[in-house]
Amino acid sequence: MKASTRGLWYDWGDLQPIRALALVVCAGQALGALAALLWARLPPGFESLWLGAALATLPAFLVGLAVQAGLKPGSLRENKTLVGRFALVAVLLSGYAMVH
């Protein structure tokens, strides 16, 4: 895994061991953005898209954990630092969107 001196920079290749998790999260965010855009109670435009994607991030992450564990048992444990950072971002994004 390539990392800066702080260990925070990853590229798509670094996600190879947990690719299913990453794809499920991306798909969940896209569905959340679309649902928010179609829901009339939210303001139209980019803010609606962003809020929908952010709110969907944590639920999509949890579904992605189950998918990843089913497809590649042990891959979550082997990549616990990357999965932990992914979890932190999911919690922060969804948490911010909930209080917004």
PDB file of N, CA and C in Angstrom:
ATOM      1  N   MET A   1       0.837  -1.170   0.000  1.00  0.00           N
ATOM      2  CA  MET A   1       0.000   0.000   0.000  1.00  0.00           C
ATOM      3  C   MET A   1       0.883   1.235   0.000  1.00  0.00           C
ATOM      4  N   LYS A   2       0.629   2.118  -0.945  1.00  0.00           N
ATOM      5  CA  LYS A   2       1.390   3.360  -1.014  1.00  0.00           C
ATOM      6  C   LYS A   2       0.819   4.350  -0.020  1.00  0.00           C
ATOM      7  N   ALA A   3       1.668   5.018   0.694  1.00  0.00           N
ATOM      8  CA  ALA A   3       1.193   5.996   1.673  1.00  0.00           C
ATOM      9  C   ALA A   3       2.195   7.133   1.766  1.00  0.00           C
ATOM     10  N   SER A   4       1.688   8.290   2.121  1.00  0.00           N
ATOM     11  CA  SER A   4       2.575   9.410   2.370  1.00  0.00           C
ATOM     12  C   SER A   4       3.214   9.201   3.743  1.00  0.00           C
ATOM     13  N   THR A   5       3.995  10.161   4.172  1.00  0.00           N
ATOM     14  CA  THR A   5       4.609  10.035   5.488  1.00  0.00           C
ATOM     15  C   THR A   5       3.559   9.982   6.585  1.00  0.00           C
ATOM     16  N   ARG A   6       2.384  10.526   6.322  1.00  0.00           N
ATOM     17  CA  ARG A   6       1.291  10.467   7.294  1.00  0.00           C
ATOM     18  C   ARG A   6       0.423   9.229   7.094  1.00  0.00           C
ATOM     19  N   GLY A   7       0.614   8.515   6.001  1.00  0.00           N
ATOM     20  CA  GLY A   7      -0.145   7.311   5.751  1.00  0.00           C
ATOM     21  C   GLY A   7      -1.593   7.550   5.363  1.00  0.00           C
ATOM     22  N   LEU A   8      -1.879   8.686   4.723  1.00  0.00           N
ATOM     23  CA  LEU A   8      -3.265   9.016   4.424  1.00  0.00           C
ATOM     24  C   LEU A   8      -3.618   8.984   2.942  1.00  0.00           C
ATOM     25  N   TRP A   9      -2.681   8.762   2.059  1.00  0.00           N
ATOM     26  CA  TRP A   9      -2.957   8.838   0.630  1.00  0.00           C
ATOM     27  C   TRP A   9      -3.039   7.455   0.026  1.00  0.00           C
ATOM     28  N   TYR A  10      -4.166   7.176  -0.608  1.00  0.00           N
ATOM     29  CA  TYR A  10      -4.391   5.891  -1.247  1.00  0.00           C
ATOM     30  C   TYR A  10      -4.833   6.126  -2.679  1.00  0.00           C
ATOM     31  N   ASP A  11      -4.618   5.144  -3.529  1.00  0.00           N
ATOM     32  CA  ASP A  11      -5.164   5.211  -4.875  1.00  0.00           C
ATOM     33  C   ASP A  11      -6.073   3.996  -5.089  1.00  0.00           C
ATOM     34  N   TRP A  12      -6.692   3.925  -6.268  1.00  0.00           N
ATOM     35  CA  TRP A  12      -7.665   2.866  -6.539  1.00  0.00           C
ATOM     36  C   TRP A  12      -7.023   1.481  -6.395  1.00  0.00           C
ATOM     37  N   GLY A  13      -5.781   1.342  -6.752  1.00  0.00           N
ATOM     38  CA  GLY A  13      -5.087   0.063  -6.631  1.00  0.00           C
ATOM     39  C   GLY A  13      -4.948  -0.398  -5.183  1.00  0.00           C
ATOM     40  N   ASP A  14      -4.836   0.542  -4.252  1.00  0.00           N
ATOM     41  CA  ASP A  14      -4.730   0.188  -2.842  1.00  0.00           C
ATOM     42  C   ASP A  14      -6.025  -0.409  -2.311  1.00  0.00           C
ATOM     43  N   LEU A  15      -7.136  -0.104  -2.982  1.00  0.00           N
ATOM     44  CA  LEU A  15      -8.427  -0.626  -2.554  1.00  0.00           C
ATOM     45  C   LEU A  15      -8.721  -2.022  -3.103  1.00  0.00           C
ATOM     46  N   GLN A  16      -7.805  -2.566  -3.892  1.00  0.00           N
ATOM     47  CA  GLN A  16      -8.018  -3.887  -4.504  1.00  0.00           C
ATOM     48  C   GLN A  16      -8.454  -4.953  -3.491  1.00  0.00           C
ATOM     49  N   PRO A  17      -7.830  -5.069  -2.330  1.00  0.00           N
ATOM     50  CA  PRO A  17      -8.239  -6.116  -1.391  1.00  0.00           C
ATOM     51  C   PRO A  17      -9.649  -5.917  -0.823  1.00  0.00           C
ATOM     52  N   ILE A  18     -10.146  -4.679  -0.844  1.00  0.00           N
ATOM     53  CA  ILE A  18     -11.500  -4.427  -0.326  1.00  0.00           C
ATOM     54  C   ILE A  18     -12.353  -3.737  -1.401  1.00  0.00           C
ATOM     55  N   ARG A  19     -12.142  -4.151  -2.626  1.00  0.00           N
ATOM     56  CA  ARG A  19     -12.837  -3.524  -3.754  1.00  0.00           C
ATOM     57  C   ARG A  19     -14.352  -3.655  -3.639  1.00  0.00           C
ATOM     58  N   ALA A  20     -14.868  -4.787  -3.190  1.00  0.00           N
ATOM     59  CA  ALA A  20     -16.316  -4.964  -3.064  1.00  0.00           C
ATOM     60  C   ALA A  20     -16.898  -3.930  -2.096  1.00  0.00           C
ATOM     61  N   LEU A  21     -16.230  -3.720  -0.986  1.00  0.00           N
ATOM     62  CA  LEU A  21     -16.671  -2.726  -0.010  1.00  0.00           C
ATOM     63  C   LEU A  21     -16.718  -1.339  -0.642  1.00  0.00           C
ATOM     64  N   ALA A  22     -15.663  -0.974  -1.349  1.00  0.00           N
ATOM     65  CA  ALA A  22     -15.596   0.347  -1.981  1.00  0.00           C
ATOM     66  C   ALA A  22     -16.692   0.518  -3.034  1.00  0.00           C
ATOM     67  N   LEU A  23     -16.939  -0.512  -3.825  1.00  0.00           N
ATOM     68  CA  LEU A  23     -17.965  -0.426  -4.862  1.00  0.00           C
ATOM     69  C   LEU A  23     -19.370  -0.328  -4.271  1.00  0.00           C
ATOM     70  N   VAL A  24     -19.626  -1.069  -3.197  1.00  0.00           N
ATOM     71  CA  VAL A  24     -20.937  -0.993  -2.550  1.00  0.00           C
ATOM     72  C   VAL A  24     -21.155   0.400  -1.967  1.00  0.00           C
ATOM     73  N   VAL A  25     -20.130   0.973  -1.374  1.00  0.00           N
ATOM     74  CA  VAL A  25     -20.261   2.328  -0.821  1.00  0.00           C
ATOM     75  C   VAL A  25     -20.515   3.334  -1.943  1.00  0.00           C
ATOM     76  N   CYS A  26     -19.788   3.231  -3.034  1.00  0.00           N
ATOM     77  CA  CYS A  26     -20.002   4.153  -4.162  1.00  0.00           C
ATOM     78  C   CYS A  26     -21.414   4.004  -4.728  1.00  0.00           C
ATOM     79  N   ALA A  27     -21.885   2.778  -4.871  1.00  0.00           N
ATOM     80  CA  ALA A  27     -23.240   2.545  -5.383  1.00  0.00           C
ATOM     81  C   ALA A  27     -24.281   3.090  -4.402  1.00  0.00           C
ATOM     82  N   GLY A  28     -24.062   2.879  -3.114  1.00  0.00           N
ATOM     83  CA  GLY A  28     -24.978   3.393  -2.106  1.00  0.00           C
ATOM     84  C   GLY A  28     -25.038   4.907  -2.107  1.00  0.00           C
ATOM     85  N   GLN A  29     -23.887   5.544  -2.276  1.00  0.00           N
ATOM     86  CA  GLN A  29     -23.859   7.004  -2.341  1.00  0.00           C
ATOM     87  C   GLN A  29     -24.600   7.508  -3.575  1.00  0.00           C
ATOM     88  N   ALA A  30     -24.432   6.829  -4.696  1.00  0.00           N
ATOM     89  CA  ALA A  30     -25.134   7.236  -5.918  1.00  0.00           C
ATOM     90  C   ALA A  30     -26.644   7.097  -5.744  1.00  0.00           C
ATOM     91  N   LEU A  31     -27.083   6.012  -5.141  1.00  0.00           N
ATOM     92  CA  LEU A  31     -28.514   5.825  -4.893  1.00  0.00           C
ATOM     93  C   LEU A  31     -29.042   6.869  -3.909  1.00  0.00           C
ATOM     94  N   GLY A  32     -28.267   7.166  -2.881  1.00  0.00           N
ATOM     95  CA  GLY A  32     -28.663   8.186  -1.918  1.00  0.00           C
ATOM     96  C   GLY A  32     -28.766   9.557  -2.554  1.00  0.00           C
ATOM     97  N   ALA A  33     -27.829   9.883  -3.420  1.00  0.00           N
ATOM     98  CA  ALA A  33     -27.860  11.170  -4.113  1.00  0.00           C
ATOM     99  C   ALA A  33     -29.080  11.265  -5.016  1.00  0.00           C
ATOM    100  N   LEU A  34     -29.376  10.197  -5.740  1.00  0.00           N
ATOM    101  CA  LEU A  34     -30.535  10.186  -6.621  1.00  0.00           C
ATOM    102  C   LEU A  34     -31.838  10.300  -5.827  1.00  0.00           C
ATOM    103  N   ALA A  35     -31.933   9.560  -4.737  1.00  0.00           N
ATOM    104  CA  ALA A  35     -33.139   9.610  -3.899  1.00  0.00           C
ATOM    105  C   ALA A  35     -33.344  11.018  -3.329  1.00  0.00           C
ATOM    106  N   ALA A  36     -32.272  11.649  -2.888  1.00  0.00           N
ATOM    107  CA  ALA A  36     -32.382  13.000  -2.330  1.00  0.00           C
ATOM    108  C   ALA A  36     -32.772  14.013  -3.392  1.00  0.00           C
ATOM    109  N   LEU A  37     -32.260  13.818  -4.584  1.00  0.00           N
ATOM    110  CA  LEU A  37     -32.594  14.735  -5.672  1.00  0.00           C
ATOM    111  C   LEU A  37     -34.074  14.626  -6.031  1.00  0.00           C
ATOM    112  N   LEU A  38     -34.609  13.424  -5.945  1.00  0.00           N
ATOM    113  CA  LEU A  38     -36.013  13.204  -6.293  1.00  0.00           C
ATOM    114  C   LEU A  38     -36.966  13.548  -5.151  1.00  0.00           C
ATOM    115  N   TRP A  39     -36.450  13.635  -3.930  1.00  0.00           N
ATOM    116  CA  TRP A  39     -37.288  13.929  -2.779  1.00  0.00           C
ATOM    117  C   TRP A  39     -37.498  15.431  -2.697  1.00  0.00           C
ATOM    118  N   ALA A  40     -38.731  15.861  -2.771  1.00  0.00           N
ATOM    119  CA  ALA A  40     -39.059  17.282  -2.898  1.00  0.00           C
ATOM    120  C   ALA A  40     -38.778  18.105  -1.645  1.00  0.00           C
ATOM    121  N   ARG A  41     -38.611  17.505  -0.490  1.00  0.00           N
ATOM    122  CA  ARG A  41     -38.429  18.272   0.746  1.00  0.00           C
ATOM    123  C   ARG A  41     -37.032  18.863   0.891  1.00  0.00           C
ATOM    124  N   LEU A  42     -36.080  18.356   0.170  1.00  0.00           N
ATOM    125  CA  LEU A  42     -34.718  18.884   0.243  1.00  0.00           C
ATOM    126  C   LEU A  42     -34.540  19.995  -0.784  1.00  0.00           C
ATOM    127  N   PRO A  43     -33.621  20.916  -0.523  1.00  0.00           N
ATOM    128  CA  PRO A  43     -33.373  21.975  -1.513  1.00  0.00           C
ATOM    129  C   PRO A  43     -32.834  21.364  -2.808  1.00  0.00           C
ATOM    130  N   PRO A  44     -33.213  21.912  -3.945  1.00  0.00           N
ATOM    131  CA  PRO A  44     -32.757  21.347  -5.218  1.00  0.00           C
ATOM    132  C   PRO A  44     -31.280  21.619  -5.467  1.00  0.00           C
ATOM    133  N   GLY A  45     -30.710  20.827  -6.331  1.00  0.00           N
ATOM    134  CA  GLY A  45     -29.352  21.070  -6.773  1.00  0.00           C
ATOM    135  C   GLY A  45     -28.295  20.266  -6.046  1.00  0.00           C
ATOM    136  N   PHE A  46     -27.084  20.819  -6.076  1.00  0.00           N
ATOM    137  CA  PHE A  46     -25.924  20.102  -5.558  1.00  0.00           C
ATOM    138  C   PHE A  46     -26.050  19.771  -4.077  1.00  0.00           C
ATOM    139  N   GLU A  47     -26.599  20.674  -3.286  1.00  0.00           N
ATOM    140  CA  GLU A  47     -26.720  20.417  -1.848  1.00  0.00           C
ATOM    141  C   GLU A  47     -27.563  19.173  -1.589  1.00  0.00           C
ATOM    142  N   SER A  48     -28.606  19.015  -2.344  1.00  0.00           N
ATOM    143  CA  SER A  48     -29.453  17.838  -2.217  1.00  0.00           C
ATOM    144  C   SER A  48     -28.676  16.569  -2.575  1.00  0.00           C
ATOM    145  N   LEU A  49     -27.939  16.623  -3.671  1.00  0.00           N
ATOM    146  CA  LEU A  49     -27.123  15.473  -4.078  1.00  0.00           C
ATOM    147  C   LEU A  49     -26.105  15.115  -2.998  1.00  0.00           C
ATOM    148  N   TRP A  50     -25.432  16.137  -2.490  1.00  0.00           N
ATOM    149  CA  TRP A  50     -24.391  15.905  -1.488  1.00  0.00           C
ATOM    150  C   TRP A  50     -24.974  15.306  -0.212  1.00  0.00           C
ATOM    151  N   LEU A  51     -26.078  15.882   0.266  1.00  0.00           N
ATOM    152  CA  LEU A  51     -26.692  15.377   1.494  1.00  0.00           C
ATOM    153  C   LEU A  51     -27.164  13.938   1.339  1.00  0.00           C
ATOM    154  N   GLY A  52     -27.765  13.634   0.201  1.00  0.00           N
ATOM    155  CA  GLY A  52     -28.223  12.266  -0.036  1.00  0.00           C
ATOM    156  C   GLY A  52     -27.075  11.274  -0.056  1.00  0.00           C
ATOM    157  N   ALA A  53     -26.000  11.634  -0.733  1.00  0.00           N
ATOM    158  CA  ALA A  53     -24.834  10.749  -0.796  1.00  0.00           C
ATOM    159  C   ALA A  53     -24.191  10.600   0.580  1.00  0.00           C
ATOM    160  N   ALA A  54     -24.073  11.690   1.304  1.00  0.00           N
ATOM    161  CA  ALA A  54     -23.453  11.643   2.631  1.00  0.00           C
ATOM    162  C   ALA A  54     -24.289  10.812   3.604  1.00  0.00           C
ATOM    163  N   LEU A  55     -25.602  10.997   3.580  1.00  0.00           N
ATOM    164  CA  LEU A  55     -26.470  10.216   4.469  1.00  0.00           C
ATOM    165  C   LEU A  55     -26.405   8.725   4.157  1.00  0.00           C
ATOM    166  N   ALA A  56     -26.258   8.394   2.895  1.00  0.00           N
ATOM    167  CA  ALA A  56     -26.231   6.989   2.483  1.00  0.00           C
ATOM    168  C   ALA A  56     -24.888   6.316   2.750  1.00  0.00           C
ATOM    169  N   THR A  57     -23.863   7.072   3.064  1.00  0.00           N
ATOM    170  CA  THR A  57     -22.526   6.505   3.187  1.00  0.00           C
ATOM    171  C   THR A  57     -22.419   5.464   4.296  1.00  0.00           C
ATOM    172  N   LEU A  58     -22.895   5.771   5.493  1.00  0.00           N
ATOM    173  CA  LEU A  58     -22.770   4.812   6.597  1.00  0.00           C
ATOM    174  C   LEU A  58     -23.595   3.555   6.371  1.00  0.00           C
ATOM    175  N   PRO A  59     -24.874   3.655   5.983  1.00  0.00           N
ATOM    176  CA  PRO A  59     -25.608   2.417   5.702  1.00  0.00           C
ATOM    177  C   PRO A  59     -24.964   1.591   4.577  1.00  0.00           C
ATOM    178  N   ALA A  60     -24.473   2.267   3.543  1.00  0.00           N
ATOM    179  CA  ALA A  60     -23.809   1.558   2.450  1.00  0.00           C
ATOM    180  C   ALA A  60     -22.524   0.893   2.939  1.00  0.00           C
ATOM    181  N   PHE A  61     -21.808   1.557   3.823  1.00  0.00           N
ATOM    182  CA  PHE A  61     -20.594   0.970   4.388  1.00  0.00           C
ATOM    183  C   PHE A  61     -20.920  -0.315   5.154  1.00  0.00           C
ATOM    184  N   LEU A  62     -21.980  -0.285   5.939  1.00  0.00           N
ATOM    185  CA  LEU A  62     -22.355  -1.474   6.711  1.00  0.00           C
ATOM    186  C   LEU A  62     -22.770  -2.624   5.797  1.00  0.00           C
ATOM    187  N   VAL A  63     -23.518  -2.319   4.747  1.00  0.00           N
ATOM    188  CA  VAL A  63     -23.868  -3.353   3.769  1.00  0.00           C
ATOM    189  C   VAL A  63     -22.603  -3.853   3.073  1.00  0.00           C
ATOM    190  N   GLY A  64     -21.722  -2.923   2.730  1.00  0.00           N
ATOM    191  CA  GLY A  64     -20.463  -3.292   2.083  1.00  0.00           C
ATOM    192  C   GLY A  64     -19.599  -4.194   2.935  1.00  0.00           C
ATOM    193  N   LEU A  65     -19.603  -3.986   4.257  1.00  0.00           N
ATOM    194  CA  LEU A  65     -18.855  -4.876   5.148  1.00  0.00           C
ATOM    195  C   LEU A  65     -19.354  -6.308   5.025  1.00  0.00           C
ATOM    196  N   ALA A  66     -20.669  -6.470   4.996  1.00  0.00           N
ATOM    197  CA  ALA A  66     -21.244  -7.816   4.879  1.00  0.00           C
ATOM    198  C   ALA A  66     -20.911  -8.439   3.528  1.00  0.00           C
ATOM    199  N   VAL A  67     -21.006  -7.649   2.469  1.00  0.00           N
ATOM    200  CA  VAL A  67     -20.684  -8.157   1.133  1.00  0.00           C
ATOM    201  C   VAL A  67     -19.217  -8.551   1.057  1.00  0.00           C
ATOM    202  N   GLN A  68     -18.341  -7.682   1.552  1.00  0.00           N
ATOM    203  CA  GLN A  68     -16.899  -7.958   1.521  1.00  0.00           C
ATOM    204  C   GLN A  68     -16.563  -9.204   2.323  1.00  0.00           C
ATOM    205  N   ALA A  69     -17.147  -9.331   3.503  1.00  0.00           N
ATOM    206  CA  ALA A  69     -16.880 -10.507   4.342  1.00  0.00           C
ATOM    207  C   ALA A  69     -17.358 -11.781   3.676  1.00  0.00           C
ATOM    208  N   GLY A  70     -18.445 -11.704   2.933  1.00  0.00           N
ATOM    209  CA  GLY A  70     -18.949 -12.881   2.236  1.00  0.00           C
ATOM    210  C   GLY A  70     -18.124 -13.259   1.027  1.00  0.00           C
ATOM    211  N   LEU A  71     -17.639 -12.265   0.287  1.00  0.00           N
ATOM    212  CA  LEU A  71     -16.878 -12.536  -0.927  1.00  0.00           C
ATOM    213  C   LEU A  71     -15.421 -12.907  -0.654  1.00  0.00           C
ATOM    214  N   LYS A  72     -14.805 -12.249   0.292  1.00  0.00           N
ATOM    215  CA  LYS A  72     -13.391 -12.488   0.607  1.00  0.00           C
ATOM    216  C   LYS A  72     -13.225 -12.579   2.117  1.00  0.00           C
ATOM    217  N   PRO A  73     -13.551 -13.708   2.703  1.00  0.00           N
ATOM    218  CA  PRO A  73     -13.398 -13.842   4.156  1.00  0.00           C
ATOM    219  C   PRO A  73     -11.959 -13.552   4.592  1.00  0.00           C
ATOM    220  N   GLY A  74     -11.823 -12.792   5.649  1.00  0.00           N
ATOM    221  CA  GLY A  74     -10.503 -12.451   6.178  1.00  0.00           C
ATOM    222  C   GLY A  74      -9.908 -11.177   5.614  1.00  0.00           C
ATOM    223  N   SER A  75     -10.471 -10.665   4.509  1.00  0.00           N
ATOM    224  CA  SER A  75      -9.878  -9.472   3.891  1.00  0.00           C
ATOM    225  C   SER A  75     -10.084  -8.223   4.746  1.00  0.00           C
ATOM    226  N   LEU A  76     -11.154  -8.191   5.515  1.00  0.00           N
ATOM    227  CA  LEU A  76     -11.380  -7.036   6.388  1.00  0.00           C
ATOM    228  C   LEU A  76     -10.347  -6.992   7.504  1.00  0.00           C
ATOM    229  N   ARG A  77     -10.060  -8.137   8.067  1.00  0.00           N
ATOM    230  CA  ARG A  77      -9.068  -8.216   9.144  1.00  0.00           C
ATOM    231  C   ARG A  77      -7.668  -7.896   8.615  1.00  0.00           C
ATOM    232  N   GLU A  78      -7.358  -8.380   7.433  1.00  0.00           N
ATOM    233  CA  GLU A  78      -6.033  -8.147   6.843  1.00  0.00           C
ATOM    234  C   GLU A  78      -5.810  -6.670   6.496  1.00  0.00           C
ATOM    235  N   ASN A  79      -6.872  -5.943   6.270  1.00  0.00           N
ATOM    236  CA  ASN A  79      -6.782  -4.535   5.870  1.00  0.00           C
ATOM    237  C   ASN A  79      -7.481  -3.632   6.875  1.00  0.00           C
ATOM    238  N   LYS A  80      -7.305  -3.940   8.150  1.00  0.00           N
ATOM    239  CA  LYS A  80      -8.074  -3.245   9.183  1.00  0.00           C
ATOM    240  C   LYS A  80      -7.778  -1.745   9.260  1.00  0.00           C
ATOM    241  N   THR A  81      -6.582  -1.308   8.934  1.00  0.00           N
ATOM    242  CA  THR A  81      -6.281   0.121   8.964  1.00  0.00           C
ATOM    243  C   THR A  81      -7.079   0.854   7.891  1.00  0.00           C
ATOM    244  N   LEU A  82      -7.065   0.327   6.691  1.00  0.00           N
ATOM    245  CA  LEU A  82      -7.804   0.943   5.595  1.00  0.00           C
ATOM    246  C   LEU A  82      -9.308   0.881   5.850  1.00  0.00           C
ATOM    247  N   VAL A  83      -9.799  -0.231   6.335  1.00  0.00           N
ATOM    248  CA  VAL A  83     -11.224  -0.369   6.649  1.00  0.00           C
ATOM    249  C   VAL A  83     -11.604   0.583   7.777  1.00  0.00           C
ATOM    250  N   GLY A  84     -10.753   0.726   8.763  1.00  0.00           N
ATOM    251  CA  GLY A  84     -11.012   1.655   9.863  1.00  0.00           C
ATOM    252  C   GLY A  84     -11.100   3.095   9.392  1.00  0.00           C
ATOM    253  N   ARG A  85     -10.220   3.485   8.483  1.00  0.00           N
ATOM    254  CA  ARG A  85     -10.273   4.846   7.938  1.00  0.00           C
ATOM    255  C   ARG A  85     -11.519   5.045   7.085  1.00  0.00           C
ATOM    256  N   PHE A  86     -11.882   4.008   6.356  1.00  0.00           N
ATOM    257  CA  PHE A  86     -13.105   4.036   5.563  1.00  0.00           C
ATOM    258  C   PHE A  86     -14.305   4.219   6.492  1.00  0.00           C
ATOM    259  N   ALA A  87     -14.316   3.503   7.603  1.00  0.00           N
ATOM    260  CA  ALA A  87     -15.402   3.599   8.586  1.00  0.00           C
ATOM    261  C   ALA A  87     -15.469   5.005   9.180  1.00  0.00           C
ATOM    262  N   LEU A  88     -14.331   5.569   9.501  1.00  0.00           N
ATOM    263  CA  LEU A  88     -14.291   6.915  10.070  1.00  0.00           C
ATOM    264  C   LEU A  88     -14.884   7.935   9.100  1.00  0.00           C
ATOM    265  N   VAL A  89     -14.518   7.847   7.848  1.00  0.00           N
ATOM    266  CA  VAL A  89     -15.059   8.763   6.842  1.00  0.00           C
ATOM    267  C   VAL A  89     -16.570   8.561   6.712  1.00  0.00           C
ATOM    268  N   ALA A  90     -17.026   7.316   6.726  1.00  0.00           N
ATOM    269  CA  ALA A  90     -18.463   7.035   6.612  1.00  0.00           C
ATOM    270  C   ALA A  90     -19.230   7.640   7.784  1.00  0.00           C
ATOM    271  N   VAL A  91     -18.705   7.474   8.982  1.00  0.00           N
ATOM    272  CA  VAL A  91     -19.366   8.026  10.176  1.00  0.00           C
ATOM    273  C   VAL A  91     -19.372   9.552  10.128  1.00  0.00           C
ATOM    274  N   LEU A  92     -18.259  10.152   9.767  1.00  0.00           N
ATOM    275  CA  LEU A  92     -18.175  11.617   9.718  1.00  0.00           C
ATOM    276  C   LEU A  92     -19.102  12.200   8.665  1.00  0.00           C
ATOM    277  N   LEU A  93     -19.128  11.604   7.475  1.00  0.00           N
ATOM    278  CA  LEU A  93     -20.000  12.124   6.420  1.00  0.00           C
ATOM    279  C   LEU A  93     -21.470  11.994   6.793  1.00  0.00           C
ATOM    280  N   SER A  94     -21.865  10.809   7.222  1.00  0.00           N
ATOM    281  CA  SER A  94     -23.273  10.614   7.579  1.00  0.00           C
ATOM    282  C   SER A  94     -23.653  11.443   8.798  1.00  0.00           C
ATOM    283  N   GLY A  95     -22.767  11.535   9.774  1.00  0.00           N
ATOM    284  CA  GLY A  95     -23.042  12.329  10.955  1.00  0.00           C
ATOM    285  C   GLY A  95     -23.212  13.790  10.627  1.00  0.00           C
ATOM    286  N   TYR A  96     -22.348  14.322   9.792  1.00  0.00           N
ATOM    287  CA  TYR A  96     -22.472  15.725   9.402  1.00  0.00           C
ATOM    288  C   TYR A  96     -23.779  15.971   8.669  1.00  0.00           C
ATOM    289  N   ALA A  97     -24.117  15.054   7.753  1.00  0.00           N
ATOM    290  CA  ALA A  97     -25.349  15.233   6.987  1.00  0.00           C
ATOM    291  C   ALA A  97     -26.583  15.165   7.877  1.00  0.00           C
ATOM    292  N   MET A  98     -26.529  14.363   8.938  1.00  0.00           N
ATOM    293  CA  MET A  98     -27.682  14.246   9.841  1.00  0.00           C
ATOM    294  C   MET A  98     -27.916  15.527  10.639  1.00  0.00           C
ATOM    295  N   VAL A  99     -26.842  16.203  11.030  1.00  0.00           N
ATOM    296  CA  VAL A  99     -27.009  17.419  11.822  1.00  0.00           C
ATOM    297  C   VAL A  99     -27.162  18.667  10.947  1.00  0.00           C
ATOM    298  N   HIS A 100     -26.964  18.508   9.661  1.00  0.00           N
ATOM    299  CA  HIS A 100     -27.055  19.651   8.746  1.00  0.00           C
ATOM    300  C   HIS A 100     -28.467  20.067   8.532  1.00  0.00           C
TER     301      HIS A 100
END
